[in-house]
Each structure stands twice: as structure tokens, then as C-alpha cells.
C-alpha atoms as a PDB file:
ATOM      1  CA  MET A   1       3.742  -8.514 -11.691  1.00  0.00           C
ATOM      2  CA  ALA A   2       3.598 -11.357  -9.203  1.00  0.00           C
ATOM      3  CA  SER A   3       4.354 -13.787 -12.052  1.00  0.00           C
ATOM      4  CA  GLY A   4       7.519 -11.940 -13.025  1.00  0.00           C
ATOM      5  CA  ALA A   5       6.279 -10.190 -16.154  1.00  0.00           C
ATOM      6  CA  THR A   6       8.666  -7.473 -17.287  1.00  0.00           C
ATOM      7  CA  PHE A   7       6.098  -5.800 -19.561  1.00  0.00           C
ATOM      8  CA  LEU A   8       2.534  -5.083 -18.404  1.00  0.00           C
ATOM      9  CA  ALA A   9      -0.073  -3.133 -20.335  1.00  0.00           C
ATOM     10  CA  ARG A  10      -3.806  -2.737 -20.857  1.00  0.00           C
ATOM     11  CA  GLY A  11      -5.645  -1.814 -24.026  1.00  0.00           C
ATOM     12  CA  PHE A  12      -9.207  -1.539 -25.291  1.00  0.00           C
ATOM     13  CA  SER A  13     -10.526  -3.016 -28.542  1.00  0.00           C
ATOM     14  CA  HIS A  14     -12.310   0.270 -29.213  1.00  0.00           C
ATOM     15  CA  GLY A  15      -8.935   2.076 -29.233  1.00  0.00           C
ATOM     16  CA  ILE A  16      -7.357  -0.065 -31.919  1.00  0.00           C
ATOM     17  CA  GLU A  17      -4.434   2.275 -32.748  1.00  0.00           C
ATOM     18  CA  GLN A  18      -3.255   2.323 -29.130  1.00  0.00           C
ATOM     19  CA  LEU A  19      -3.791  -1.441 -28.888  1.00  0.00           C
ATOM     20  CA  LYS A  20      -1.703  -2.046 -32.020  1.00  0.00           C
ATOM     21  CA  SER A  21       1.062   0.099 -30.565  1.00  0.00           C
ATOM     22  CA  ILE A  22       0.964  -1.830 -27.274  1.00  0.00           C
ATOM     23  CA  PHE A  23       1.114  -5.198 -29.053  1.00  0.00           C
ATOM     24  CA  LYS A  24       4.020  -4.066 -31.218  1.00  0.00           C
ATOM     25  CA  GLU A  25       5.942  -2.882 -28.149  1.00  0.00           C
ATOM     26  CA  ALA A  26       5.158  -6.132 -26.280  1.00  0.00           C
ATOM     27  CA  ILE A  27       6.304  -8.286 -29.202  1.00  0.00           C
ATOM     28  CA  ASN A  28       9.584  -6.374 -29.410  1.00  0.00           C
ATOM     29  CA  HIS A  29      10.091  -6.528 -25.631  1.00  0.00           C
ATOM     30  CA  LYS A  30      12.770  -8.979 -24.539  1.00  0.00           C
ATOM     31  CA  GLY A  31      11.031 -10.941 -21.788  1.00  0.00           C
ATOM     32  CA  PHE A  32       7.627 -11.960 -20.428  1.00  0.00           C
ATOM     33  CA  ALA A  33       4.948  -9.553 -21.699  1.00  0.00           C
ATOM     34  CA  LEU A  34       1.344  -9.571 -20.480  1.00  0.00           C
ATOM     35  CA  ILE A  35      -1.412  -7.433 -22.015  1.00  0.00           C
ATOM     36  CA  ASP A  36      -4.897  -7.092 -20.540  1.00  0.00           C
ATOM     37  CA  VAL A  37      -7.280  -6.424 -23.449  1.00  0.00           C
ATOM     38  CA  LEU A  38     -10.720  -5.048 -22.680  1.00  0.00           C
ATOM     39  CA  GLN A  39     -12.923  -6.472 -25.403  1.00  0.00           C
ATOM     40  CA  VAL A  40     -16.697  -6.261 -25.343  1.00  0.00           C
ATOM     41  CA  CYS A  41     -19.232  -8.744 -26.609  1.00  0.00           C
ATOM     42  CA  VAL A  42     -22.056  -6.714 -28.148  1.00  0.00           C
ATOM     43  CA  THR A  43     -24.283  -9.805 -28.331  1.00  0.00           C
ATOM     44  CA  TYR A  44     -24.515 -10.481 -24.592  1.00  0.00           C
ATOM     45  CA  CYS A  45     -23.334  -7.378 -22.793  1.00  0.00           C
ATOM     46  CA  ASN A  46     -22.460  -4.300 -24.832  1.00  0.00           C
ATOM     47  CA  MET A  47     -20.055  -2.409 -22.593  1.00  0.00           C
ATOM     48  CA  TYR A  48     -18.700   0.103 -25.108  1.00  0.00           C
ATOM     49  CA  GLU A  49     -20.418   3.010 -23.357  1.00  0.00           C
ATOM     50  CA  TYR A  50     -19.265   1.816 -19.922  1.00  0.00           C
ATOM     51  CA  TYR A  51     -15.616   1.594 -21.033  1.00  0.00           C
ATOM     52  CA  ASP A  52     -15.742   4.784 -23.121  1.00  0.00           C
ATOM     53  CA  LYS A  53     -16.798   6.768 -20.026  1.00  0.00           C
ATOM     54  CA  ARG A  54     -14.151   5.281 -17.738  1.00  0.00           C
ATOM     55  CA  THR A  55     -11.016   4.622 -19.796  1.00  0.00           C
ATOM     56  CA  TYR A  56      -8.161   7.067 -20.081  1.00  0.00           C
ATOM     57  CA  GLU A  57      -4.694   6.928 -21.607  1.00  0.00           C
ATOM     58  CA  LEU A  58      -1.740   6.881 -19.225  1.00  0.00           C
ATOM     59  CA  LYS A  59       0.278  10.086 -19.626  1.00  0.00           C
ATOM     60  CA  GLY A  60       3.237  11.237 -17.592  1.00  0.00           C
ATOM     61  CA  HIS A  61       3.574   7.743 -16.136  1.00  0.00           C
ATOM     62  CA  ASN A  62       7.009   6.210 -15.527  1.00  0.00           C
ATOM     63  CA  PRO A  63       6.766   2.532 -16.597  1.00  0.00           C
ATOM     64  CA  GLN A  64      10.139   1.755 -14.974  1.00  0.00           C
ATOM     65  CA  ASP A  65       8.778   2.585 -11.507  1.00  0.00           C
ATOM     66  CA  TYR A  66       7.506  -0.680 -10.001  1.00  0.00           C
ATOM     67  CA  TYR A  67       5.399   0.934  -7.264  1.00  0.00           C
ATOM     68  CA  GLU A  68       3.880   3.562  -9.553  1.00  0.00           C
ATOM     69  CA  ALA A  69       2.918   0.772 -11.960  1.00  0.00           C
ATOM     70  CA  LEU A  70       1.394  -1.240  -9.133  1.00  0.00           C
ATOM     71  CA  ASN A  71      -0.706   1.747  -8.038  1.00  0.00           C
ATOM     72  CA  LYS A  72      -1.947   2.386 -11.586  1.00  0.00           C
ATOM     73  CA  ILE A  73      -2.852  -1.276 -12.060  1.00  0.00           C
ATOM     74  CA  ARG A  74      -4.810  -1.284  -8.786  1.00  0.00           C
ATOM     75  CA  GLU A  75      -6.868   1.831  -9.647  1.00  0.00           C
ATOM     76  CA  TRP A  76      -9.504  -0.390 -11.208  1.00  0.00           C
ATOM     77  CA  ASN A  77     -10.396  -3.790  -9.781  1.00  0.00           C
ATOM     78  CA  TYR A  78     -12.817  -4.979 -12.525  1.00  0.00           C
ATOM     79  CA  HIS A  79     -15.807  -4.594 -10.185  1.00  0.00           C
ATOM     80  CA  ASP A  80     -16.274  -0.915  -9.378  1.00  0.00           C
ATOM     81  CA  ASP A  81     -16.874   2.238 -11.395  1.00  0.00           C
ATOM     82  CA  SER A  82     -13.426   3.801 -11.019  1.00  0.00           C
ATOM     83  CA  LYS A  83     -11.319   5.088 -13.913  1.00  0.00           C
ATOM     84  CA  ILE A  84      -9.550   2.520 -16.099  1.00  0.00           C
ATOM     85  CA  ALA A  85      -6.008   3.290 -17.202  1.00  0.00           C
ATOM     86  CA  LEU A  86      -4.899   2.186 -20.671  1.00  0.00           C
ATOM     87  CA  GLY A  87      -1.298   1.952 -21.809  1.00  0.00           C
ATOM     88  CA  VAL A  88       1.992   0.481 -20.639  1.00  0.00           C
ATOM     89  CA  PHE A  89       2.044   0.116 -16.855  1.00  0.00           C
ATOM     90  CA  TYR A  90       5.416  -1.539 -16.365  1.00  0.00           C
ATOM     91  CA  LYS A  91       8.479  -2.152 -18.479  1.00  0.00           C
ATOM     92  CA  LYS A  92      11.779  -3.505 -17.208  1.00  0.00           C
ATOM     93  CA  GLU A  93      14.827  -4.814 -19.027  1.00  0.00           C
ATOM     94  CA  ALA A  94      15.998  -8.072 -17.494  1.00  0.00           C
ATOM     95  CA  ALA A  95      17.796 -11.223 -18.560  1.00  0.00           C
ATOM     96  CA  THR A  96      15.487 -13.717 -20.226  1.00  0.00           C
ATOM     97  CA  PHE A  97      15.163 -17.315 -19.063  1.00  0.00           C
ATOM     98  CA  ASP A  98      17.297 -18.472 -21.985  1.00  0.00           C
ATOM     99  CA  GLU A  99      20.028 -15.942 -21.139  1.00  0.00           C
ATOM    100  CA  ARG A 100      20.045 -17.011 -17.481  1.00  0.00           C
ATOM    101  CA  ILE A 101      20.272 -20.693 -18.434  1.00  0.00           C
ATOM    102  CA  SER A 102      23.014 -19.998 -20.986  1.00  0.00           C
ATOM    103  CA  SER A 103      25.133 -18.110 -18.467  1.00  0.00           C
ATOM    104  CA  SER A 104      24.759 -20.832 -15.825  1.00  0.00           C
ATOM    105  CA  ARG A 105      25.671 -23.453 -18.448  1.00  0.00           C
ATOM    106  CA  GLN A 106      28.835 -21.497 -19.200  1.00  0.00           C
ATOM    107  CA  GLU A 107      29.684 -21.453 -15.487  1.00  0.00           C
ATOM    108  CA  ILE A 108      29.333 -25.245 -15.407  1.00  0.00           C
ATOM    109  CA  ILE A 109      31.523 -25.631 -18.496  1.00  0.00           C
ATOM    110  CA  ASP A 110      34.158 -23.360 -16.965  1.00  0.00           C
ATOM    111  CA  ILE A 111      34.310 -25.408 -13.767  1.00  0.00           C
ATOM    112  CA  VAL A 112      34.555 -28.881 -15.418  1.00  0.00           C
ATOM    113  CA  PRO A 113      38.380 -28.771 -15.894  1.00  0.00           C
ATOM    114  CA  HIS A 114      38.806 -27.883 -12.200  1.00  0.00           C
ATOM    115  CA  ILE A 115      36.611 -30.797 -11.151  1.00  0.00           C
ATOM    116  CA  GLU A 116      38.504 -33.188 -13.446  1.00  0.00           C
ATOM    117  CA  ARG A 117      41.865 -31.975 -12.107  1.00  0.00           C
ATOM    118  CA  ILE A 118      40.735 -32.417  -8.495  1.00  0.00           C
ATOM    119  CA  SER A 119      39.244 -35.877  -9.135  1.00  0.00           C
ATOM    120  CA  VAL A 120      42.406 -37.060 -10.985  1.00  0.00           C
ATOM    121  CA  ASN A 121      44.687 -35.837  -8.160  1.00  0.00           C
ATOM    122  CA  THR A 122      42.640 -37.483  -5.410  1.00  0.00           C
ATOM    123  CA  ILE A 123      42.264 -40.938  -6.991  1.00  0.00           C
END
């Protein structure tokens, strides 16, 4: 959220259907999307049981509420044994970088005739 993402979610490789749904929604989202994927390595540290006991799907959560999203994200800090929420934490519609640049370019184009008129009249 500090980086300006307008779509934040977390999924688990063991819940592939939910993860596919999250990726599809993120791809279709207009803006910066960030997905935290919990994926275990069974060779070095098999954490399937750990995640299975602690993960839960977000229900009744309002992804447009910035502060509610922040609280859900902070429930688990990657170091303790608290519950781990899975799903879409935050989703906001906002102008993309390209849209912001395009609109400012148009403002510049609109002002050019005024600048030319002023510079011609003062010389």
C-alpha cells in the first residue's frame, strides 16, 4: 500500500482455485496490482500443514476500505503463529500512470497557443 498499489491480495498455492481467481482479477484490474503468494518448498521446509492450519478466506471484507485492508494485512507478520488471511485485501479504481501523463500532455497542448500569443505580443 505504501508503494501505491491499487490492488492487493494474498493467495496460497495449495488453494489453486482461489489463487487463479485472484490472478484473473489482478490481471483485469486497471492499475498496479500486487499479489503475495504463499508457496511452500517441500524439499527444504514443507509448510503445507502450517499454512493449512492458519489460513482462512476473507469473507465480509470491504476491499475499498483502506484502513480495513491495512488491518487485515497486518494480522500476520510472517513471523508469528497468527491467522493468515487469503483473498483480496484492497481494490481501488484510480487513474493509471499513462492516463495521468496523457491528461497532463493535453493540458500542455492546450496552453501552447496562449504561450505563443503572449510571446508574439511581447517581442
